[in-house]
Amino acid sequence: MKPYRSWSGFDGRMFVERLLAATAVAVLLLAASAQATVKNLGAVGRTYPVVESDGLAAIAPSQSNIEQLQQKIGEKIKNYQPADIHPLPRASADRSFLVDMTYSLDRDLTNAENKVIYPKGYTFNPLDYITLLGWLVIIDGDDPSQVRWFKTSPYYKNHQARLLLARGQAADLTEKLQRPVFYLTDEIAKRLHLVATPSVVVQKGDKVEVFEFYVPPEMLGKPDENS
């Protein structure tokens, strides 16, 4: 999973200005070369005034068009949500449970020569080969009380904790919390047996342990200037 990034590092206006400047220099050089080598032979026949628009002006995008494009792309990034984001209800009580990560292949796994390496039905536990570093913290980003819960938790300033949203806009919370924010997808929720938020997932041996936290209803709707 990668953090959302904006395209703020790309300055469209500067790019166009540099492109036009380089084009103008090339045109001037060609014109100077032509004047040095071509003689004026005069006019033959009837002449007409040039009415075509300036070529550079025709191909140069206007400042307003660049700003509109920047705004559209920025809105798409801000409003992006994966199609398989997995919404979860609020946890009704504190509880924890262990999840066995053992997995059976639903198809043959082949190599580049199309030879079967692991057959369909082969069973393995990925935690025998990899380690889940830190914690996964899952909240409903549309619920102010759960966002406040996260900000007052020990995970807020711990960057080994990865924050996943079951609802809400990752771009908004990335800016508000000043840390990377990801989405909870159907596949992740299914593998980890997640059923409520807020939840915290941590590895425990060859299994993972899921902790669900009850956020009191009285926290709902309370004003929070820092949330």
C-alpha atoms as a PDB file:
ATOM      1  CA  MET A   1       0.000   0.000   0.000  1.00  0.00           C
ATOM      2  CA  LYS A   2       1.245   3.364  -0.908  1.00  0.00           C
ATOM      3  CA  PRO A   3       0.475   6.697   0.540  1.00  0.00           C
ATOM      4  CA  TYR A   4      -1.637   9.093  -1.519  1.00  0.00           C
ATOM      5  CA  ARG A   5       0.355  11.707  -2.979  1.00  0.00           C
ATOM      6  CA  SER A   6      -0.693  14.851  -4.656  1.00  0.00           C
ATOM      7  CA  TRP A   7       0.822  16.277  -7.821  1.00  0.00           C
ATOM      8  CA  SER A   8       1.799  19.505  -6.092  1.00  0.00           C
ATOM      9  CA  GLY A   9       5.428  18.957  -7.158  1.00  0.00           C
ATOM     10  CA  PHE A  10       4.430  19.503 -10.813  1.00  0.00           C
ATOM     11  CA  ASP A  11       4.195  23.192 -11.767  1.00  0.00           C
ATOM     12  CA  GLY A  12       2.139  23.215 -14.959  1.00  0.00           C
ATOM     13  CA  ARG A  13       2.490  26.952 -15.526  1.00  0.00           C
ATOM     14  CA  MET A  14       6.289  26.859 -15.260  1.00  0.00           C
ATOM     15  CA  PHE A  15       6.411  23.874 -17.622  1.00  0.00           C
ATOM     16  CA  VAL A  16       4.365  25.680 -20.295  1.00  0.00           C
ATOM     17  CA  GLU A  17       6.333  28.919 -19.894  1.00  0.00           C
ATOM     18  CA  ARG A  18       9.625  27.050 -20.377  1.00  0.00           C
ATOM     19  CA  LEU A  19       8.224  25.194 -23.375  1.00  0.00           C
ATOM     20  CA  LEU A  20       7.093  28.440 -25.014  1.00  0.00           C
ATOM     21  CA  ALA A  21      10.398  30.150 -24.257  1.00  0.00           C
ATOM     22  CA  ALA A  22      12.372  27.303 -25.823  1.00  0.00           C
ATOM     23  CA  THR A  23      10.083  27.322 -28.874  1.00  0.00           C
ATOM     24  CA  ALA A  24      10.433  31.086 -29.271  1.00  0.00           C
ATOM     25  CA  VAL A  25      14.239  30.877 -29.148  1.00  0.00           C
ATOM     26  CA  ALA A  26      14.200  28.168 -31.815  1.00  0.00           C
ATOM     27  CA  VAL A  27      11.949  30.288 -34.064  1.00  0.00           C
ATOM     28  CA  LEU A  28      14.204  33.344 -33.657  1.00  0.00           C
ATOM     29  CA  LEU A  29      17.299  31.322 -34.515  1.00  0.00           C
ATOM     30  CA  LEU A  30      15.636  29.946 -37.632  1.00  0.00           C
ATOM     31  CA  ALA A  31      14.511  33.423 -38.656  1.00  0.00           C
ATOM     32  CA  ALA A  32      18.028  34.856 -38.187  1.00  0.00           C
ATOM     33  CA  SER A  33      19.497  32.032 -40.234  1.00  0.00           C
ATOM     34  CA  ALA A  34      16.973  32.583 -43.017  1.00  0.00           C
ATOM     35  CA  GLN A  35      17.688  36.325 -43.174  1.00  0.00           C
ATOM     36  CA  ALA A  36      21.408  35.632 -43.503  1.00  0.00           C
ATOM     37  CA  THR A  37      21.063  33.248 -46.438  1.00  0.00           C
ATOM     38  CA  VAL A  38      17.954  34.234 -48.393  1.00  0.00           C
ATOM     39  CA  LYS A  39      17.793  37.251 -50.718  1.00  0.00           C
ATOM     40  CA  ASN A  40      14.713  39.398 -51.182  1.00  0.00           C
ATOM     41  CA  LEU A  41      13.554  38.708 -54.763  1.00  0.00           C
ATOM     42  CA  GLY A  42      10.552  41.027 -54.494  1.00  0.00           C
ATOM     43  CA  ALA A  43       6.881  40.247 -55.003  1.00  0.00           C
ATOM     44  CA  VAL A  44       5.563  38.444 -58.063  1.00  0.00           C
ATOM     45  CA  GLY A  45       1.834  38.602 -58.734  1.00  0.00           C
ATOM     46  CA  ARG A  46      -0.936  39.735 -56.425  1.00  0.00           C
ATOM     47  CA  THR A  47      -0.273  39.581 -52.684  1.00  0.00           C
ATOM     48  CA  TYR A  48      -2.667  39.184 -49.742  1.00  0.00           C
ATOM     49  CA  PRO A  49      -2.319  40.120 -46.077  1.00  0.00           C
ATOM     50  CA  VAL A  50      -1.531  37.316 -43.601  1.00  0.00           C
ATOM     51  CA  VAL A  51      -4.641  36.590 -41.523  1.00  0.00           C
ATOM     52  CA  GLU A  52      -3.581  33.394 -39.721  1.00  0.00           C
ATOM     53  CA  SER A  53      -3.372  33.560 -35.940  1.00  0.00           C
ATOM     54  CA  ASP A  54       0.000  33.370 -34.227  1.00  0.00           C
ATOM     55  CA  GLY A  55       1.116  29.728 -34.108  1.00  0.00           C
ATOM     56  CA  LEU A  56       2.556  29.923 -30.618  1.00  0.00           C
ATOM     57  CA  ALA A  57      -0.578  31.564 -29.280  1.00  0.00           C
ATOM     58  CA  ALA A  58      -2.690  28.851 -30.872  1.00  0.00           C
ATOM     59  CA  ILE A  59      -0.848  25.953 -29.257  1.00  0.00           C
ATOM     60  CA  ALA A  60      -0.210  27.565 -25.880  1.00  0.00           C
ATOM     61  CA  PRO A  61      -2.754  26.512 -23.223  1.00  0.00           C
ATOM     62  CA  SER A  62      -4.219  29.436 -21.353  1.00  0.00           C
ATOM     63  CA  GLN A  63      -3.517  29.993 -17.693  1.00  0.00           C
ATOM     64  CA  SER A  64      -7.170  29.362 -16.859  1.00  0.00           C
ATOM     65  CA  ASN A  65      -7.081  25.992 -18.655  1.00  0.00           C
ATOM     66  CA  ILE A  66      -4.015  24.921 -16.680  1.00  0.00           C
ATOM     67  CA  GLU A  67      -5.635  25.958 -13.395  1.00  0.00           C
ATOM     68  CA  GLN A  68      -8.844  24.115 -14.304  1.00  0.00           C
ATOM     69  CA  LEU A  69      -6.855  20.966 -15.098  1.00  0.00           C
ATOM     70  CA  GLN A  70      -4.972  21.232 -11.801  1.00  0.00           C
ATOM     71  CA  GLN A  71      -8.249  21.649  -9.931  1.00  0.00           C
ATOM     72  CA  LYS A  72      -9.888  18.640 -11.624  1.00  0.00           C
ATOM     73  CA  ILE A  73      -6.947  16.343 -10.912  1.00  0.00           C
ATOM     74  CA  GLY A  74      -6.724  17.597  -7.332  1.00  0.00           C
ATOM     75  CA  GLU A  75     -10.428  16.888  -6.790  1.00  0.00           C
ATOM     76  CA  LYS A  76     -10.094  13.370  -8.214  1.00  0.00           C
ATOM     77  CA  ILE A  77      -7.188  12.625  -5.874  1.00  0.00           C
ATOM     78  CA  LYS A  78      -9.013  14.088  -2.888  1.00  0.00           C
ATOM     79  CA  ASN A  79     -12.249  12.219  -3.567  1.00  0.00           C
ATOM     80  CA  TYR A  80     -10.663   8.888  -4.543  1.00  0.00           C
ATOM     81  CA  GLN A  81     -11.937   5.751  -2.865  1.00  0.00           C
ATOM     82  CA  PRO A  82     -11.316   2.180  -4.040  1.00  0.00           C
ATOM     83  CA  ALA A  83     -14.342   0.347  -5.360  1.00  0.00           C
ATOM     84  CA  ASP A  84     -13.798  -2.437  -2.812  1.00  0.00           C
ATOM     85  CA  ILE A  85     -13.547  -0.287   0.330  1.00  0.00           C
ATOM     86  CA  HIS A  86     -15.003  -2.374   3.165  1.00  0.00           C
ATOM     87  CA  PRO A  87     -17.364  -0.510   5.549  1.00  0.00           C
ATOM     88  CA  LEU A  88     -17.709  -1.866   9.090  1.00  0.00           C
ATOM     89  CA  PRO A  89     -20.148  -1.121  11.936  1.00  0.00           C
ATOM     90  CA  ARG A  90     -19.137   0.384  15.269  1.00  0.00           C
ATOM     91  CA  ALA A  91     -17.846  -2.077  17.879  1.00  0.00           C
ATOM     92  CA  SER A  92     -20.433  -2.729  20.597  1.00  0.00           C
ATOM     93  CA  ALA A  93     -17.919  -3.883  23.241  1.00  0.00           C
ATOM     94  CA  ASP A  94     -14.229  -4.357  23.941  1.00  0.00           C
ATOM     95  CA  ARG A  95     -13.054  -7.796  22.881  1.00  0.00           C
ATOM     96  CA  SER A  96     -10.132  -9.633  21.286  1.00  0.00           C
ATOM     97  CA  PHE A  97      -9.744 -12.823  19.279  1.00  0.00           C
ATOM     98  CA  LEU A  98      -7.060 -14.772  17.432  1.00  0.00           C
ATOM     99  CA  VAL A  99      -7.111 -15.310  13.678  1.00  0.00           C
ATOM    100  CA  ASP A 100      -5.407 -18.292  12.031  1.00  0.00           C
ATOM    101  CA  MET A 101      -3.847 -16.975   8.815  1.00  0.00           C
ATOM    102  CA  THR A 102      -3.495 -20.440   7.255  1.00  0.00           C
ATOM    103  CA  TYR A 103      -4.498 -20.234   3.604  1.00  0.00           C
ATOM    104  CA  SER A 104      -5.273 -22.810   0.901  1.00  0.00           C
ATOM    105  CA  LEU A 105      -4.549 -22.064  -2.743  1.00  0.00           C
ATOM    106  CA  ASP A 106      -7.671 -21.902  -4.884  1.00  0.00           C
ATOM    107  CA  ARG A 107      -5.685 -22.660  -8.065  1.00  0.00           C
ATOM    108  CA  ASP A 108      -2.391 -24.165  -9.207  1.00  0.00           C
ATOM    109  CA  LEU A 109       0.597 -21.848  -8.823  1.00  0.00           C
ATOM    110  CA  THR A 110       2.906 -22.156 -11.840  1.00  0.00           C
ATOM    111  CA  ASN A 111       6.299 -20.755 -12.845  1.00  0.00           C
ATOM    112  CA  ALA A 112       7.400 -19.076 -16.088  1.00  0.00           C
ATOM    113  CA  GLU A 113       7.602 -22.479 -17.807  1.00  0.00           C
ATOM    114  CA  ASN A 114       4.013 -23.190 -16.739  1.00  0.00           C
ATOM    115  CA  LYS A 115       5.156 -25.953 -14.396  1.00  0.00           C
ATOM    116  CA  VAL A 116       3.143 -26.350 -11.206  1.00  0.00           C
ATOM    117  CA  ILE A 117       5.119 -25.173  -8.169  1.00  0.00           C
ATOM    118  CA  TYR A 118       2.299 -25.433  -5.644  1.00  0.00           C
ATOM    119  CA  PRO A 119      -0.897 -27.306  -6.533  1.00  0.00           C
ATOM    120  CA  LYS A 120      -4.433 -26.169  -5.872  1.00  0.00           C
ATOM    121  CA  GLY A 121      -5.327 -26.926  -2.264  1.00  0.00           C
ATOM    122  CA  TYR A 122      -1.774 -26.430  -0.984  1.00  0.00           C
ATOM    123  CA  THR A 123      -2.034 -25.010   2.549  1.00  0.00           C
ATOM    124  CA  PHE A 124       0.414 -22.606   4.155  1.00  0.00           C
ATOM    125  CA  ASN A 125       0.613 -19.839   6.746  1.00  0.00           C
ATOM    126  CA  PRO A 126       2.190 -16.614   5.395  1.00  0.00           C
ATOM    127  CA  LEU A 127       3.278 -15.697   8.938  1.00  0.00           C
ATOM    128  CA  ASP A 128       5.718 -18.632   8.777  1.00  0.00           C
ATOM    129  CA  TYR A 129       7.615 -16.626   6.140  1.00  0.00           C
ATOM    130  CA  ILE A 130       6.961 -12.954   6.892  1.00  0.00           C
ATOM    131  CA  THR A 131       6.546 -10.784   9.968  1.00  0.00           C
ATOM    132  CA  LEU A 132       3.794  -8.206  10.388  1.00  0.00           C
ATOM    133  CA  LEU A 133       5.698  -5.223  11.738  1.00  0.00           C
ATOM    134  CA  GLY A 134       3.832  -2.808  13.979  1.00  0.00           C
ATOM    135  CA  TRP A 135       0.056  -2.559  14.080  1.00  0.00           C
ATOM    136  CA  LEU A 136      -2.877  -2.117  11.726  1.00  0.00           C
ATOM    137  CA  VAL A 137      -5.422   0.343  13.107  1.00  0.00           C
ATOM    138  CA  ILE A 138      -8.847   0.376  11.462  1.00  0.00           C
ATOM    139  CA  ILE A 139     -11.357   3.177  12.063  1.00  0.00           C
ATOM    140  CA  ASP A 140     -14.421   4.741  10.461  1.00  0.00           C
ATOM    141  CA  GLY A 141     -13.024   7.990   9.078  1.00  0.00           C
ATOM    142  CA  ASP A 142     -16.513   9.484   8.802  1.00  0.00           C
ATOM    143  CA  ASP A 143     -17.038   9.092  12.562  1.00  0.00           C
ATOM    144  CA  PRO A 144     -15.508  12.064  14.461  1.00  0.00           C
ATOM    145  CA  SER A 145     -15.516  10.079  17.712  1.00  0.00           C
ATOM    146  CA  GLN A 146     -13.352   7.339  16.180  1.00  0.00           C
ATOM    147  CA  VAL A 147     -10.969   9.909  14.709  1.00  0.00           C
ATOM    148  CA  ARG A 148     -10.673  11.496  18.169  1.00  0.00           C
ATOM    149  CA  TRP A 149     -10.165   8.037  19.671  1.00  0.00           C
ATOM    150  CA  PHE A 150      -7.249   7.451  17.305  1.00  0.00           C
ATOM    151  CA  LYS A 151      -5.702  10.854  18.084  1.00  0.00           C
ATOM    152  CA  THR A 152      -5.739  10.096  21.824  1.00  0.00           C
ATOM    153  CA  SER A 153      -4.444   6.532  21.376  1.00  0.00           C
ATOM    154  CA  PRO A 154      -0.769   5.504  21.609  1.00  0.00           C
ATOM    155  CA  TYR A 155      -0.889   4.648  17.883  1.00  0.00           C
ATOM    156  CA  TYR A 156      -1.344   8.251  16.732  1.00  0.00           C
ATOM    157  CA  LYS A 157       2.327   9.241  17.015  1.00  0.00           C
ATOM    158  CA  ASN A 158       3.690   5.755  16.437  1.00  0.00           C
ATOM    159  CA  HIS A 159       4.547   5.452  12.749  1.00  0.00           C
ATOM    160  CA  GLN A 160       4.840   1.686  12.984  1.00  0.00           C
ATOM    161  CA  ALA A 161       1.051   1.798  13.181  1.00  0.00           C
ATOM    162  CA  ARG A 162      -0.686   1.920   9.798  1.00  0.00           C
ATOM    163  CA  LEU A 163      -4.086   3.565   9.712  1.00  0.00           C
ATOM    164  CA  LEU A 164      -6.807   2.052   7.489  1.00  0.00           C
ATOM    165  CA  LEU A 165     -10.234   3.550   6.834  1.00  0.00           C
ATOM    166  CA  ALA A 166     -13.439   1.539   6.626  1.00  0.00           C
ATOM    167  CA  ARG A 167     -15.175   4.780   5.603  1.00  0.00           C
ATOM    168  CA  GLY A 168     -14.109   8.347   4.915  1.00  0.00           C
ATOM    169  CA  GLN A 169     -11.644  10.183   2.717  1.00  0.00           C
ATOM    170  CA  ALA A 170      -7.988   9.235   3.091  1.00  0.00           C
ATOM    171  CA  ALA A 171      -6.763  12.508   1.558  1.00  0.00           C
ATOM    172  CA  ASP A 172      -8.639  14.602   4.133  1.00  0.00           C
ATOM    173  CA  LEU A 173      -7.341  12.591   7.086  1.00  0.00           C
ATOM    174  CA  THR A 174      -3.808  12.464   5.681  1.00  0.00           C
ATOM    175  CA  GLU A 175      -3.786  16.260   5.790  1.00  0.00           C
ATOM    176  CA  LYS A 176      -5.566  16.504   9.139  1.00  0.00           C
ATOM    177  CA  LEU A 177      -3.451  13.883  10.928  1.00  0.00           C
ATOM    178  CA  GLN A 178      -0.199  14.589   9.073  1.00  0.00           C
ATOM    179  CA  ARG A 179       0.474  10.906   8.492  1.00  0.00           C
ATOM    180  CA  PRO A 180      -0.183   8.310   5.745  1.00  0.00           C
ATOM    181  CA  VAL A 181      -3.717   6.916   5.621  1.00  0.00           C
ATOM    182  CA  PHE A 182      -4.876   3.859   3.667  1.00  0.00           C
ATOM    183  CA  TYR A 183      -8.167   2.113   2.872  1.00  0.00           C
ATOM    184  CA  LEU A 184      -9.542  -1.136   4.238  1.00  0.00           C
ATOM    185  CA  THR A 185     -10.453  -3.342   1.277  1.00  0.00           C
ATOM    186  CA  ASP A 186     -12.717  -6.387   1.094  1.00  0.00           C
ATOM    187  CA  GLU A 187      -9.745  -8.747   0.773  1.00  0.00           C
ATOM    188  CA  ILE A 188      -7.929  -7.397   3.853  1.00  0.00           C
ATOM    189  CA  ALA A 189     -11.114  -7.437   5.962  1.00  0.00           C
ATOM    190  CA  LYS A 190     -11.851 -11.011   4.883  1.00  0.00           C
ATOM    191  CA  ARG A 191      -8.335 -12.317   5.591  1.00  0.00           C
ATOM    192  CA  LEU A 192      -8.182 -10.662   9.031  1.00  0.00           C
ATOM    193  CA  HIS A 193     -11.807 -11.481   9.971  1.00  0.00           C
ATOM    194  CA  LEU A 194     -12.514  -7.825  10.724  1.00  0.00           C
ATOM    195  CA  VAL A 195     -16.119  -7.103  11.699  1.00  0.00           C
ATOM    196  CA  ALA A 196     -16.127  -3.786  13.613  1.00  0.00           C
ATOM    197  CA  THR A 197     -14.289  -0.514  14.219  1.00  0.00           C
ATOM    198  CA  PRO A 198     -12.155   0.673  15.851  1.00  0.00           C
ATOM    199  CA  SER A 199      -9.934  -2.401  15.598  1.00  0.00           C
ATOM    200  CA  VAL A 200      -6.218  -2.997  16.082  1.00  0.00           C
ATOM    201  CA  VAL A 201      -4.396  -5.945  14.505  1.00  0.00           C
ATOM    202  CA  VAL A 202      -1.034  -7.261  15.727  1.00  0.00           C
ATOM    203  CA  GLN A 203       0.910 -10.446  15.050  1.00  0.00           C
ATOM    204  CA  LYS A 204       1.061 -13.013  17.839  1.00  0.00           C
ATOM    205  CA  GLY A 205       3.267 -15.928  16.849  1.00  0.00           C
ATOM    206  CA  ASP A 206       1.865 -17.666  13.788  1.00  0.00           C
ATOM    207  CA  LYS A 207      -1.504 -15.917  14.220  1.00  0.00           C
ATOM    208  CA  VAL A 208      -2.775 -12.357  14.415  1.00  0.00           C
ATOM    209  CA  GLU A 209      -4.736 -10.940  17.315  1.00  0.00           C
ATOM    210  CA  VAL A 210      -7.585  -8.517  16.684  1.00  0.00           C
ATOM    211  CA  PHE A 211      -8.647  -6.057  19.369  1.00  0.00           C
ATOM    212  CA  GLU A 212     -11.990  -4.269  19.062  1.00  0.00           C
ATOM    213  CA  PHE A 213     -12.632  -1.125  21.113  1.00  0.00           C
ATOM    214  CA  TYR A 214     -15.932   0.234  22.246  1.00  0.00           C
ATOM    215  CA  VAL A 215     -16.175   4.015  21.715  1.00  0.00           C
ATOM    216  CA  PRO A 216     -18.847   5.383  24.089  1.00  0.00           C
ATOM    217  CA  PRO A 217     -21.917   6.832  22.375  1.00  0.00           C
ATOM    218  CA  GLU A 218     -21.661   9.995  24.437  1.00  0.00           C
ATOM    219  CA  MET A 219     -18.576  10.917  22.438  1.00  0.00           C
ATOM    220  CA  LEU A 220     -20.696  11.165  19.312  1.00  0.00           C
ATOM    221  CA  GLY A 221     -21.405  14.690  18.150  1.00  0.00           C
ATOM    222  CA  LYS A 222     -19.154  16.377  20.692  1.00  0.00           C
ATOM    223  CA  PRO A 223     -17.422  19.393  19.186  1.00  0.00           C
ATOM    224  CA  ASP A 224     -13.682  19.032  18.812  1.00  0.00           C
ATOM    225  CA  GLU A 225     -11.764  21.940  17.331  1.00  0.00           C
ATOM    226  CA  ASN A 226      -8.675  19.790  16.808  1.00  0.00           C
ATOM    227  CA  SER A 227     -10.384  16.840  15.117  1.00  0.00           C
END
